Amino acid sequence: MIKEMLIGFVAALIATSFGCFIFIEYYSNYGFNKSIELIFEGDLQGKVLVLGAVANFFVFFIFLKKNQIYRARGVLFETILIALIVLFLTIFSK
């Protein structure tokens, strides 16, 4: 059970990272490195994480469709962790 949840957690981390990369790469007018610099200068890390976490919905529903409940639960835990990180970034930023 723990192993299955860990697989879902890691899959969600990969999906979030890929979602952030897609957002930065395709919706920014600057290069990737410059976009990262601008995100940190503007304290926009939380907003980019939220947009990247949208990819977790696809992973979550794929696991549910395949009846892999514990993996879907791992995705849910990672999504809650992302929400807490965004809350922390929002409260404690400048």
Protein backbone atom coordinates (compact mmCIF):
# COMPACT_ATOMS: atom_id res chain seq x y z
CA MET A 1 0.00 0.00 0.00
CA ILE A 2 2.77 2.48 0.92
CA LYS A 3 4.68 1.56 -2.24
CA GLU A 4 1.63 2.25 -4.42
CA MET A 5 1.04 5.61 -2.76
CA LEU A 6 4.70 6.51 -3.23
CA ILE A 7 4.43 5.67 -6.93
CA GLY A 8 1.42 7.99 -7.21
CA PHE A 9 3.26 10.71 -5.27
CA VAL A 10 6.30 10.52 -7.57
CA ALA A 11 4.08 10.44 -10.68
CA ALA A 12 2.36 13.60 -9.45
CA LEU A 13 5.72 15.29 -8.80
CA ILE A 14 6.77 14.49 -12.34
CA ALA A 15 3.44 15.73 -13.71
CA THR A 16 3.72 18.98 -11.73
CA SER A 17 7.28 19.54 -12.92
CA PHE A 18 6.26 18.84 -16.50
CA GLY A 19 3.25 21.16 -16.16
CA CYS A 20 5.45 23.97 -14.85
CA PHE A 21 7.93 23.42 -17.66
CA ILE A 22 5.18 23.48 -20.30
CA PHE A 23 3.72 26.67 -18.86
CA ILE A 24 7.08 28.43 -18.70
CA GLU A 25 8.27 27.22 -22.08
CA TYR A 26 5.15 27.92 -24.14
CA TYR A 27 3.50 30.88 -22.42
CA SER A 28 6.54 33.04 -21.79
CA ASN A 29 7.94 35.51 -24.27
CA TYR A 30 11.45 35.00 -22.87
CA GLY A 31 13.84 32.07 -22.77
CA PHE A 32 13.50 29.43 -20.07
CA ASN A 33 16.33 30.72 -17.86
CA LYS A 34 15.18 34.34 -18.14
CA SER A 35 11.63 33.27 -17.33
CA ILE A 36 12.82 31.49 -14.18
CA GLU A 37 14.69 34.64 -13.12
CA LEU A 38 11.58 36.77 -13.70
CA ILE A 39 9.42 34.32 -11.73
CA PHE A 40 11.73 34.57 -8.72
CA GLU A 41 12.06 38.37 -9.03
CA GLY A 42 8.30 38.79 -9.13
CA ASP A 43 7.60 36.22 -6.37
CA LEU A 44 5.42 34.22 -8.75
CA GLN A 45 6.59 30.74 -7.68
CA GLY A 46 3.24 29.86 -6.11
CA LYS A 47 1.27 30.84 -9.18
CA VAL A 48 3.50 28.79 -11.47
CA LEU A 49 3.26 25.80 -9.11
CA VAL A 50 -0.52 26.00 -9.15
CA LEU A 51 -0.58 26.09 -12.93
CA GLY A 52 1.85 23.18 -13.06
CA ALA A 53 -0.25 21.18 -10.60
CA VAL A 54 -3.17 21.20 -13.02
CA ALA A 55 -1.45 18.27 -14.74
CA ASN A 56 -2.12 16.23 -11.58
CA PHE A 57 -5.80 16.03 -12.51
CA PHE A 58 -4.94 13.97 -15.56
CA VAL A 59 -2.69 11.62 -13.59
CA PHE A 60 -5.30 11.31 -10.83
CA PHE A 61 -8.11 10.39 -13.19
CA ILE A 62 -5.93 7.95 -15.13
CA PHE A 63 -5.16 6.11 -11.89
CA LEU A 64 -8.85 6.13 -10.96
CA LYS A 65 -9.82 4.84 -14.40
CA LYS A 66 -7.34 1.95 -13.99
CA ASN A 67 -8.75 1.29 -10.50
CA GLN A 68 -5.40 2.06 -8.85
CA ILE A 69 -6.87 3.75 -5.80
CA TYR A 70 -3.69 3.93 -3.71
CA ARG A 71 -1.73 5.54 -6.51
CA ALA A 72 -4.52 8.09 -6.92
CA ARG A 73 -4.31 8.69 -3.18
CA GLY A 74 -0.57 9.41 -3.57
CA VAL A 75 -1.40 11.99 -6.25
CA LEU A 76 -3.90 13.57 -3.90
CA PHE A 77 -1.31 13.80 -1.11
CA GLU A 78 1.18 15.47 -3.46
CA THR A 79 -1.48 17.94 -4.59
CA ILE A 80 -2.24 18.80 -0.96
CA LEU A 81 1.49 19.27 -0.35
CA ILE A 82 1.67 21.66 -3.33
CA ALA A 83 -1.31 23.58 -1.91
CA LEU A 84 0.45 23.91 1.46
CA ILE A 85 3.64 25.08 -0.23
CA VAL A 86 1.69 27.70 -2.19
CA LEU A 87 -0.02 28.80 1.03
CA PHE A 88 3.37 29.09 2.75
CA LEU A 89 4.80 31.07 -0.18
CA THR A 90 1.78 33.38 -0.19
CA ILE A 91 1.86 34.09 3.54
CA PHE A 92 5.60 34.49 3.96
CA SER A 93 6.57 36.24 0.73
CA LYS A 94 7.92 39.73 1.29
